[in-house]
Amino acid sequence: MKGIWLGTEDALGIIRECKALRHAAGSWPGKATAACRNTTKRSDMTILDLTKATVACGGSAFLIYSFPVVGQVLIIGCLTLLWLAYARKTIAGFLRRP
């Protein structure tokens, strides 16, 4: 659902496919890289994606300029959530290592 909402489903599929190819190639990373470059999938922005981006950017700009305190709280809150998500992912990766 996340990929569909953000309009990145095709791109995420290509990334997963290339990671799987690199993992399967093992000692032949050149073949995996060449296969990733030759994918036929494309990630094009549709009019719906453009509309969502325009509405989101316009709404956030309106909030930031109309209500500076609310805008600052939202920006700091979003950056904090992004930082916490990245920190959680990093710590989980370190804990999984043997």
PDB file of N, CA and C in Angstrom:
ATOM      1  N   MET A   1       0.823  -1.196   0.000  1.00  0.00           N
ATOM      2  CA  MET A   1       0.000   0.000   0.000  1.00  0.00           C
ATOM      3  C   MET A   1       0.863   1.255   0.000  1.00  0.00           C
ATOM      4  N   LYS A   2       1.967   1.237   0.750  1.00  0.00           N
ATOM      5  CA  LYS A   2       2.832   2.413   0.827  1.00  0.00           C
ATOM      6  C   LYS A   2       3.365   2.779  -0.555  1.00  0.00           C
ATOM      7  N   GLY A   3       3.798   1.790  -1.334  1.00  0.00           N
ATOM      8  CA  GLY A   3       4.352   2.063  -2.643  1.00  0.00           C
ATOM      9  C   GLY A   3       3.328   2.628  -3.606  1.00  0.00           C
ATOM     10  N   ILE A   4       2.090   2.164  -3.493  1.00  0.00           N
ATOM     11  CA  ILE A   4       1.032   2.662  -4.375  1.00  0.00           C
ATOM     12  C   ILE A   4       0.717   4.113  -4.021  1.00  0.00           C
ATOM     13  N   TRP A   5       0.628   4.434  -2.734  1.00  0.00           N
ATOM     14  CA  TRP A   5       0.305   5.797  -2.309  1.00  0.00           C
ATOM     15  C   TRP A   5       1.381   6.780  -2.761  1.00  0.00           C
ATOM     16  N   LEU A   6       2.642   6.381  -2.651  1.00  0.00           N
ATOM     17  CA  LEU A   6       3.730   7.270  -3.022  1.00  0.00           C
ATOM     18  C   LEU A   6       4.020   7.244  -4.518  1.00  0.00           C
ATOM     19  N   GLY A   7       3.402   6.324  -5.250  1.00  0.00           N
ATOM     20  CA  GLY A   7       3.637   6.232  -6.679  1.00  0.00           C
ATOM     21  C   GLY A   7       4.992   5.636  -7.024  1.00  0.00           C
ATOM     22  N   THR A   8       5.530   4.775  -6.139  1.00  0.00           N
ATOM     23  CA  THR A   8       6.865   4.227  -6.350  1.00  0.00           C
ATOM     24  C   THR A   8       6.846   2.713  -6.505  1.00  0.00           C
ATOM     25  N   GLU A   9       5.698   2.132  -6.773  1.00  0.00           N
ATOM     26  CA  GLU A   9       5.603   0.670  -6.807  1.00  0.00           C
ATOM     27  C   GLU A   9       6.543   0.060  -7.846  1.00  0.00           C
ATOM     28  N   ASP A  10       6.574   0.622  -9.076  1.00  0.00           N
ATOM     29  CA  ASP A  10       7.451   0.077 -10.114  1.00  0.00           C
ATOM     30  C   ASP A  10       8.918   0.215  -9.732  1.00  0.00           C
ATOM     31  N   ALA A  11       9.294   1.355  -9.174  1.00  0.00           N
ATOM     32  CA  ALA A  11      10.683   1.579  -8.788  1.00  0.00           C
ATOM     33  C   ALA A  11      11.095   0.616  -7.678  1.00  0.00           C
ATOM     34  N   LEU A  12      10.214   0.392  -6.708  1.00  0.00           N
ATOM     35  CA  LEU A  12      10.531  -0.541  -5.628  1.00  0.00           C
ATOM     36  C   LEU A  12      10.698  -1.959  -6.169  1.00  0.00           C
ATOM     37  N   GLY A  13       9.883  -2.330  -7.148  1.00  0.00           N
ATOM     38  CA  GLY A  13      10.016  -3.650  -7.758  1.00  0.00           C
ATOM     39  C   GLY A  13      11.360  -3.824  -8.454  1.00  0.00           C
ATOM     40  N   ILE A  14      11.810  -2.794  -9.144  1.00  0.00           N
ATOM     41  CA  ILE A  14      13.108  -2.852  -9.822  1.00  0.00           C
ATOM     42  C   ILE A  14      14.232  -2.972  -8.802  1.00  0.00           C
ATOM     43  N   ILE A  15      14.143  -2.207  -7.724  1.00  0.00           N
ATOM     44  CA  ILE A  15      15.184  -2.266  -6.695  1.00  0.00           C
ATOM     45  C   ILE A  15      15.238  -3.649  -6.069  1.00  0.00           C
ATOM     46  N   ARG A  16      14.074  -4.221  -5.722  1.00  0.00           N
ATOM     47  CA  ARG A  16      14.043  -5.570  -5.136  1.00  0.00           C
ATOM     48  C   ARG A  16      14.616  -6.604  -6.109  1.00  0.00           C
ATOM     49  N   GLU A  17      14.240  -6.485  -7.384  1.00  0.00           N
ATOM     50  CA  GLU A  17      14.710  -7.427  -8.395  1.00  0.00           C
ATOM     51  C   GLU A  17      16.226  -7.364  -8.549  1.00  0.00           C
ATOM     52  N   CYS A  18      16.781  -6.160  -8.572  1.00  0.00           N
ATOM     53  CA  CYS A  18      18.224  -5.996  -8.720  1.00  0.00           C
ATOM     54  C   CYS A  18      18.969  -6.509  -7.492  1.00  0.00           C
ATOM     55  N   LYS A  19      18.412  -6.282  -6.307  1.00  0.00           N
ATOM     56  CA  LYS A  19      19.047  -6.805  -5.097  1.00  0.00           C
ATOM     57  C   LYS A  19      19.064  -8.323  -5.124  1.00  0.00           C
ATOM     58  N   ALA A  20      17.954  -8.933  -5.570  1.00  0.00           N
ATOM     59  CA  ALA A  20      17.897 -10.389  -5.651  1.00  0.00           C
ATOM     60  C   ALA A  20      18.899 -10.917  -6.675  1.00  0.00           C
ATOM     61  N   LEU A  21      19.033 -10.224  -7.812  1.00  0.00           N
ATOM     62  CA  LEU A  21      19.991 -10.651  -8.827  1.00  0.00           C
ATOM     63  C   LEU A  21      21.426 -10.546  -8.317  1.00  0.00           C
ATOM     64  N   ARG A  22      21.734  -9.455  -7.621  1.00  0.00           N
ATOM     65  CA  ARG A  22      23.084  -9.300  -7.082  1.00  0.00           C
ATOM     66  C   ARG A  22      23.380 -10.369  -6.045  1.00  0.00           C
ATOM     67  N   HIS A  23      22.380 -10.668  -5.219  1.00  0.00           N
ATOM     68  CA  HIS A  23      22.565 -11.699  -4.196  1.00  0.00           C
ATOM     69  C   HIS A  23      22.759 -13.069  -4.852  1.00  0.00           C
ATOM     70  N   ALA A  24      21.958 -13.361  -5.889  1.00  0.00           N
ATOM     71  CA  ALA A  24      22.057 -14.659  -6.562  1.00  0.00           C
ATOM     72  C   ALA A  24      23.356 -14.775  -7.361  1.00  0.00           C
ATOM     73  N   ALA A  25      23.848 -13.646  -7.897  1.00  0.00           N
ATOM     74  CA  ALA A  25      25.056 -13.686  -8.722  1.00  0.00           C
ATOM     75  C   ALA A  25      26.286 -14.019  -7.888  1.00  0.00           C
ATOM     76  N   GLY A  26      26.295 -13.600  -6.638  1.00  0.00           N
ATOM     77  CA  GLY A  26      27.402 -13.928  -5.745  1.00  0.00           C
ATOM     78  C   GLY A  26      28.728 -13.413  -6.245  1.00  0.00           C
ATOM     79  N   SER A  27      29.518 -14.301  -6.829  1.00  0.00           N
ATOM     80  CA  SER A  27      30.865 -13.936  -7.240  1.00  0.00           C
ATOM     81  C   SER A  27      30.905 -13.271  -8.620  1.00  0.00           C
ATOM     82  N   TRP A  28      29.766 -13.123  -9.279  1.00  0.00           N
ATOM     83  CA  TRP A  28      29.726 -12.485 -10.599  1.00  0.00           C
ATOM     84  C   TRP A  28      28.887 -11.218 -10.549  1.00  0.00           C
ATOM     85  N   PRO A  29      29.339 -10.203  -9.835  1.00  0.00           N
ATOM     86  CA  PRO A  29      28.521  -8.984  -9.721  1.00  0.00           C
ATOM     87  C   PRO A  29      28.347  -8.254 -11.040  1.00  0.00           C
ATOM     88  N   GLY A  30      29.236  -8.433 -11.982  1.00  0.00           N
ATOM     89  CA  GLY A  30      29.113  -7.768 -13.274  1.00  0.00           C
ATOM     90  C   GLY A  30      27.866  -8.196 -14.025  1.00  0.00           C
ATOM     91  N   LYS A  31      27.537  -9.497 -13.960  1.00  0.00           N
ATOM     92  CA  LYS A  31      26.333  -9.983 -14.630  1.00  0.00           C
ATOM     93  C   LYS A  31      25.078  -9.401 -14.003  1.00  0.00           C
ATOM     94  N   ALA A  32      25.052  -9.307 -12.681  1.00  0.00           N
ATOM     95  CA  ALA A  32      23.878  -8.761 -12.001  1.00  0.00           C
ATOM     96  C   ALA A  32      23.702  -7.290 -12.337  1.00  0.00           C
ATOM     97  N   THR A  33      24.794  -6.545 -12.380  1.00  0.00           N
ATOM     98  CA  THR A  33      24.717  -5.123 -12.693  1.00  0.00           C
ATOM     99  C   THR A  33      24.211  -4.920 -14.118  1.00  0.00           C
ATOM    100  N   ALA A  34      24.705  -5.721 -15.052  1.00  0.00           N
ATOM    101  CA  ALA A  34      24.257  -5.619 -16.437  1.00  0.00           C
ATOM    102  C   ALA A  34      22.771  -5.962 -16.542  1.00  0.00           C
ATOM    103  N   ALA A  35      22.332  -6.972 -15.807  1.00  0.00           N
ATOM    104  CA  ALA A  35      20.918  -7.351 -15.842  1.00  0.00           C
ATOM    105  C   ALA A  35      20.048  -6.250 -15.261  1.00  0.00           C
ATOM    106  N   CYS A  36      20.539  -5.568 -14.247  1.00  0.00           N
ATOM    107  CA  CYS A  36      19.753  -4.485 -13.647  1.00  0.00           C
ATOM    108  C   CYS A  36      19.638  -3.299 -14.594  1.00  0.00           C
ATOM    109  N   ARG A  37      20.650  -3.062 -15.366  1.00  0.00           N
ATOM    110  CA  ARG A  37      20.598  -1.947 -16.305  1.00  0.00           C
ATOM    111  C   ARG A  37      19.645  -2.235 -17.457  1.00  0.00           C
ATOM    112  N   ASN A  38      19.424  -3.505 -17.773  1.00  0.00           N
ATOM    113  CA  ASN A  38      18.614  -3.876 -18.922  1.00  0.00           C
ATOM    114  C   ASN A  38      17.162  -4.177 -18.576  1.00  0.00           C
ATOM    115  N   THR A  39      16.687  -3.735 -17.423  1.00  0.00           N
ATOM    116  CA  THR A  39      15.289  -3.992 -17.067  1.00  0.00           C
ATOM    117  C   THR A  39      14.377  -3.196 -17.985  1.00  0.00           C
ATOM    118  N   THR A  40      13.218  -3.779 -18.272  1.00  0.00           N
ATOM    119  CA  THR A  40      12.269  -3.111 -19.147  1.00  0.00           C
ATOM    120  C   THR A  40      11.231  -2.324 -18.356  1.00  0.00           C
ATOM    121  N   LYS A  41      11.218  -2.466 -17.036  1.00  0.00           N
ATOM    122  CA  LYS A  41      10.257  -1.734 -16.220  1.00  0.00           C
ATOM    123  C   LYS A  41      10.667  -0.267 -16.154  1.00  0.00           C
ATOM    124  N   ARG A  42       9.666   0.598 -16.104  1.00  0.00           N
ATOM    125  CA  ARG A  42       9.929   2.018 -15.990  1.00  0.00           C
ATOM    126  C   ARG A  42       9.057   2.585 -14.887  1.00  0.00           C
ATOM    127  N   SER A  43       9.504   3.657 -14.311  1.00  0.00           N
ATOM    128  CA  SER A  43       8.730   4.332 -13.288  1.00  0.00           C
ATOM    129  C   SER A  43       8.426   5.738 -13.781  1.00  0.00           C
ATOM    130  N   ASP A  44       7.277   5.898 -14.409  1.00  0.00           N
ATOM    131  CA  ASP A  44       6.879   7.188 -14.950  1.00  0.00           C
ATOM    132  C   ASP A  44       5.903   7.861 -13.996  1.00  0.00           C
ATOM    133  N   MET A  45       5.988   9.173 -13.914  1.00  0.00           N
ATOM    134  CA  MET A  45       5.057   9.921 -13.082  1.00  0.00           C
ATOM    135  C   MET A  45       3.758  10.108 -13.852  1.00  0.00           C
ATOM    136  N   THR A  46       2.663   9.680 -13.243  1.00  0.00           N
ATOM    137  CA  THR A  46       1.359   9.852 -13.867  1.00  0.00           C
ATOM    138  C   THR A  46       0.785  11.199 -13.457  1.00  0.00           C
ATOM    139  N   ILE A  47      -0.334  11.564 -14.072  1.00  0.00           N
ATOM    140  CA  ILE A  47      -0.985  12.828 -13.734  1.00  0.00           C
ATOM    141  C   ILE A  47      -1.491  12.776 -12.291  1.00  0.00           C
ATOM    142  N   LEU A  48      -1.872  11.586 -11.819  1.00  0.00           N
ATOM    143  CA  LEU A  48      -2.314  11.438 -10.424  1.00  0.00           C
ATOM    144  C   LEU A  48      -1.153  11.689  -9.469  1.00  0.00           C
ATOM    145  N   ASP A  49       0.028  11.169  -9.796  1.00  0.00           N
ATOM    146  CA  ASP A  49       1.212  11.414  -8.965  1.00  0.00           C
ATOM    147  C   ASP A  49       1.553  12.901  -8.928  1.00  0.00           C
ATOM    148  N   LEU A  50       1.483  13.546 -10.075  1.00  0.00           N
ATOM    149  CA  LEU A  50       1.769  14.979 -10.156  1.00  0.00           C
ATOM    150  C   LEU A  50       0.756  15.777  -9.336  1.00  0.00           C
ATOM    151  N   THR A  51      -0.516  15.382  -9.397  1.00  0.00           N
ATOM    152  CA  THR A  51      -1.555  16.061  -8.626  1.00  0.00           C
ATOM    153  C   THR A  51      -1.332  15.888  -7.132  1.00  0.00           C
ATOM    154  N   LYS A  52      -1.005  14.659  -6.711  1.00  0.00           N
ATOM    155  CA  LYS A  52      -0.744  14.411  -5.287  1.00  0.00           C
ATOM    156  C   LYS A  52       0.440  15.241  -4.795  1.00  0.00           C
ATOM    157  N   ALA A  53       1.503  15.300  -5.579  1.00  0.00           N
ATOM    158  CA  ALA A  53       2.685  16.069  -5.183  1.00  0.00           C
ATOM    159  C   ALA A  53       2.363  17.557  -5.115  1.00  0.00           C
ATOM    160  N   THR A  54       1.598  18.047  -6.067  1.00  0.00           N
ATOM    161  CA  THR A  54       1.239  19.467  -6.083  1.00  0.00           C
ATOM    162  C   THR A  54       0.374  19.832  -4.891  1.00  0.00           C
ATOM    163  N   VAL A  55      -0.618  19.006  -4.588  1.00  0.00           N
ATOM    164  CA  VAL A  55      -1.500  19.275  -3.449  1.00  0.00           C
ATOM    165  C   VAL A  55      -0.718  19.203  -2.141  1.00  0.00           C
ATOM    166  N   ALA A  56       0.146  18.190  -1.999  1.00  0.00           N
ATOM    167  CA  ALA A  56       0.927  18.048  -0.765  1.00  0.00           C
ATOM    168  C   ALA A  56       1.880  19.223  -0.574  1.00  0.00           C
ATOM    169  N   CYS A  57       2.573  19.615  -1.625  1.00  0.00           N
ATOM    170  CA  CYS A  57       3.506  20.741  -1.522  1.00  0.00           C
ATOM    171  C   CYS A  57       2.764  22.055  -1.291  1.00  0.00           C
ATOM    172  N   GLY A  58       1.666  22.257  -1.991  1.00  0.00           N
ATOM    173  CA  GLY A  58       0.890  23.475  -1.805  1.00  0.00           C
ATOM    174  C   GLY A  58       0.297  23.565  -0.407  1.00  0.00           C
ATOM    175  N   GLY A  59      -0.225  22.437   0.096  1.00  0.00           N
ATOM    176  CA  GLY A  59      -0.778  22.426   1.448  1.00  0.00           C
ATOM    177  C   GLY A  59       0.271  22.684   2.505  1.00  0.00           C
ATOM    178  N   SER A  60       1.421  22.065   2.355  1.00  0.00           N
ATOM    179  CA  SER A  60       2.476  22.290   3.345  1.00  0.00           C
ATOM    180  C   SER A  60       3.003  23.726   3.265  1.00  0.00           C
ATOM    181  N   ALA A  61       3.125  24.283   2.062  1.00  0.00           N
ATOM    182  CA  ALA A  61       3.574  25.669   1.932  1.00  0.00           C
ATOM    183  C   ALA A  61       2.556  26.630   2.550  1.00  0.00           C
ATOM    184  N   PHE A  62       1.273  26.364   2.345  1.00  0.00           N
ATOM    185  CA  PHE A  62       0.234  27.201   2.939  1.00  0.00           C
ATOM    186  C   PHE A  62       0.317  27.156   4.461  1.00  0.00           C
ATOM    187  N   LEU A  63       0.461  25.962   5.028  1.00  0.00           N
ATOM    188  CA  LEU A  63       0.556  25.843   6.485  1.00  0.00           C
ATOM    189  C   LEU A  63       1.792  26.540   7.031  1.00  0.00           C
ATOM    190  N   ILE A  64       2.910  26.366   6.365  1.00  0.00           N
ATOM    191  CA  ILE A  64       4.162  26.946   6.860  1.00  0.00           C
ATOM    192  C   ILE A  64       4.107  28.476   6.833  1.00  0.00           C
ATOM    193  N   TYR A  65       3.574  29.043   5.760  1.00  0.00           N
ATOM    194  CA  TYR A  65       3.544  30.504   5.657  1.00  0.00           C
ATOM    195  C   TYR A  65       2.398  31.126   6.459  1.00  0.00           C
ATOM    196  N   SER A  66       1.285  30.414   6.582  1.00  0.00           N
ATOM    197  CA  SER A  66       0.156  30.961   7.321  1.00  0.00           C
ATOM    198  C   SER A  66       0.330  30.827   8.825  1.00  0.00           C
ATOM    199  N   PHE A  67       0.854  29.703   9.242  1.00  0.00           N
ATOM    200  CA  PHE A  67       1.023  29.416  10.669  1.00  0.00           C
ATOM    201  C   PHE A  67       2.464  28.983  10.907  1.00  0.00           C
ATOM    202  N   PRO A  68       3.384  29.916  11.110  1.00  0.00           N
ATOM    203  CA  PRO A  68       4.805  29.563  11.213  1.00  0.00           C
ATOM    204  C   PRO A  68       5.111  28.578  12.347  1.00  0.00           C
ATOM    205  N   VAL A  69       4.437  28.731  13.483  1.00  0.00           N
ATOM    206  CA  VAL A  69       4.713  27.827  14.604  1.00  0.00           C
ATOM    207  C   VAL A  69       4.247  26.415  14.265  1.00  0.00           C
ATOM    208  N   VAL A  70       3.045  26.314  13.694  1.00  0.00           N
ATOM    209  CA  VAL A  70       2.528  24.998  13.307  1.00  0.00           C
ATOM    210  C   VAL A  70       3.436  24.384  12.239  1.00  0.00           C
ATOM    211  N   GLY A  71       3.872  25.197  11.283  1.00  0.00           N
ATOM    212  CA  GLY A  71       4.776  24.705  10.237  1.00  0.00           C
ATOM    213  C   GLY A  71       6.080  24.182  10.803  1.00  0.00           C
ATOM    214  N   GLN A  72       6.641  24.926  11.738  1.00  0.00           N
ATOM    215  CA  GLN A  72       7.897  24.476  12.351  1.00  0.00           C
ATOM    216  C   GLN A  72       7.700  23.181  13.116  1.00  0.00           C
ATOM    217  N   VAL A  73       6.588  23.080  13.844  1.00  0.00           N
ATOM    218  CA  VAL A  73       6.306  21.850  14.597  1.00  0.00           C
ATOM    219  C   VAL A  73       6.152  20.675  13.641  1.00  0.00           C
ATOM    220  N   LEU A  74       5.438  20.888  12.536  1.00  0.00           N
ATOM    221  CA  LEU A  74       5.260  19.803  11.564  1.00  0.00           C
ATOM    222  C   LEU A  74       6.578  19.381  10.922  1.00  0.00           C
ATOM    223  N   ILE A  75       7.383  20.357  10.541  1.00  0.00           N
ATOM    224  CA  ILE A  75       8.665  20.036   9.915  1.00  0.00           C
ATOM    225  C   ILE A  75       9.572  19.292  10.890  1.00  0.00           C
ATOM    226  N   ILE A  76       9.675  19.811  12.106  1.00  0.00           N
ATOM    227  CA  ILE A  76      10.523  19.152  13.108  1.00  0.00           C
ATOM    228  C   ILE A  76       9.978  17.767  13.436  1.00  0.00           C
ATOM    229  N   GLY A  77       8.658  17.647  13.516  1.00  0.00           N
ATOM    230  CA  GLY A  77       8.049  16.340  13.786  1.00  0.00           C
ATOM    231  C   GLY A  77       8.335  15.337  12.690  1.00  0.00           C
ATOM    232  N   CYS A  78       8.201  15.754  11.440  1.00  0.00           N
ATOM    233  CA  CYS A  78       8.471  14.845  10.315  1.00  0.00           C
ATOM    234  C   CYS A  78       9.937  14.438  10.273  1.00  0.00           C
ATOM    235  N   LEU A  79      10.829  15.402  10.461  1.00  0.00           N
ATOM    236  CA  LEU A  79      12.259  15.070  10.456  1.00  0.00           C
ATOM    237  C   LEU A  79      12.617  14.154  11.620  1.00  0.00           C
ATOM    238  N   THR A  80      11.972  14.352  12.770  1.00  0.00           N
ATOM    239  CA  THR A  80      12.218  13.476  13.914  1.00  0.00           C
ATOM    240  C   THR A  80      11.748  12.054  13.621  1.00  0.00           C
ATOM    241  N   LEU A  81      10.564  11.923  13.016  1.00  0.00           N
ATOM    242  CA  LEU A  81      10.065  10.587  12.672  1.00  0.00           C
ATOM    243  C   LEU A  81      10.969   9.896  11.658  1.00  0.00           C
ATOM    244  N   LEU A  82      11.444  10.654  10.665  1.00  0.00           N
ATOM    245  CA  LEU A  82      12.371  10.071   9.694  1.00  0.00           C
ATOM    246  C   LEU A  82      13.664   9.614  10.363  1.00  0.00           C
ATOM    247  N   TRP A  83      14.182  10.436  11.265  1.00  0.00           N
ATOM    248  CA  TRP A  83      15.411  10.091  11.968  1.00  0.00           C
ATOM    249  C   TRP A  83      15.210   8.857  12.831  1.00  0.00           C
ATOM    250  N   LEU A  84      14.084   8.794  13.548  1.00  0.00           N
ATOM    251  CA  LEU A  84      13.808   7.634  14.403  1.00  0.00           C
ATOM    252  C   LEU A  84      13.642   6.356  13.576  1.00  0.00           C
ATOM    253  N   ALA A  85      12.982   6.464  12.427  1.00  0.00           N
ATOM    254  CA  ALA A  85      12.811   5.299  11.563  1.00  0.00           C
ATOM    255  C   ALA A  85      14.167   4.803  11.062  1.00  0.00           C
ATOM    256  N   TYR A  86      15.026   5.724  10.655  1.00  0.00           N
ATOM    257  CA  TYR A  86      16.353   5.340  10.180  1.00  0.00           C
ATOM    258  C   TYR A  86      17.193   4.755  11.316  1.00  0.00           C
ATOM    259  N   ALA A  87      17.118   5.360  12.496  1.00  0.00           N
ATOM    260  CA  ALA A  87      17.872   4.842  13.646  1.00  0.00           C
ATOM    261  C   ALA A  87      17.393   3.444  14.004  1.00  0.00           C
ATOM    262  N   ARG A  88      16.079   3.224  13.990  1.00  0.00           N
ATOM    263  CA  ARG A  88      15.539   1.890  14.294  1.00  0.00           C
ATOM    264  C   ARG A  88      16.026   0.854  13.282  1.00  0.00           C
ATOM    265  N   LYS A  89      16.001   1.219  12.002  1.00  0.00           N
ATOM    266  CA  LYS A  89      16.457   0.311  10.946  1.00  0.00           C
ATOM    267  C   LYS A  89      17.948   0.002  11.110  1.00  0.00           C
ATOM    268  N   THR A  90      18.736   1.010  11.426  1.00  0.00           N
ATOM    269  CA  THR A  90      20.176   0.819  11.595  1.00  0.00           C
ATOM    270  C   THR A  90      20.475  -0.068  12.795  1.00  0.00           C
ATOM    271  N   ILE A  91      19.818   0.196  13.909  1.00  0.00           N
ATOM    272  CA  ILE A  91      20.049  -0.607  15.113  1.00  0.00           C
ATOM    273  C   ILE A  91      19.599  -2.040  14.901  1.00  0.00           C
ATOM    274  N   ALA A  92      18.451  -2.228  14.229  1.00  0.00           N
ATOM    275  CA  ALA A  92      17.973  -3.578  13.948  1.00  0.00           C
ATOM    276  C   ALA A  92      18.971  -4.320  13.043  1.00  0.00           C
ATOM    277  N   GLY A  93      19.567  -3.607  12.096  1.00  0.00           N
ATOM    278  CA  GLY A  93      20.584  -4.226  11.224  1.00  0.00           C
ATOM    279  C   GLY A  93      21.806  -4.659  11.991  1.00  0.00           C
ATOM    280  N   PHE A  94      22.236  -3.839  12.969  1.00  0.00           N
ATOM    281  CA  PHE A  94      23.396  -4.217  13.785  1.00  0.00           C
ATOM    282  C   PHE A  94      23.083  -5.408  14.676  1.00  0.00           C
ATOM    283  N   LEU A  95      21.863  -5.482  15.186  1.00  0.00           N
ATOM    284  CA  LEU A  95      21.489  -6.583  16.076  1.00  0.00           C
ATOM    285  C   LEU A  95      21.351  -7.898  15.324  1.00  0.00           C
ATOM    286  N   ARG A  96      21.027  -7.850  14.016  1.00  0.00           N
ATOM    287  CA  ARG A  96      20.887  -9.076  13.231  1.00  0.00           C
ATOM    288  C   ARG A  96      22.218  -9.668  12.806  1.00  0.00           C
ATOM    289  N   ARG A  97      23.271  -8.860  12.832  1.00  0.00           N
ATOM    290  CA  ARG A  97      24.592  -9.370  12.400  1.00  0.00           C
ATOM    291  C   ARG A  97      25.094 -10.430  13.372  1.00  0.00           C
ATOM    292  N   PRO A  98      25.782 -11.432  12.809  1.00  0.00           N
ATOM    293  CA  PRO A  98      26.298 -12.512  13.691  1.00  0.00           C
ATOM    294  C   PRO A  98      27.465 -12.052  14.543  1.00  0.00           C
TER     295      PRO A  98
END
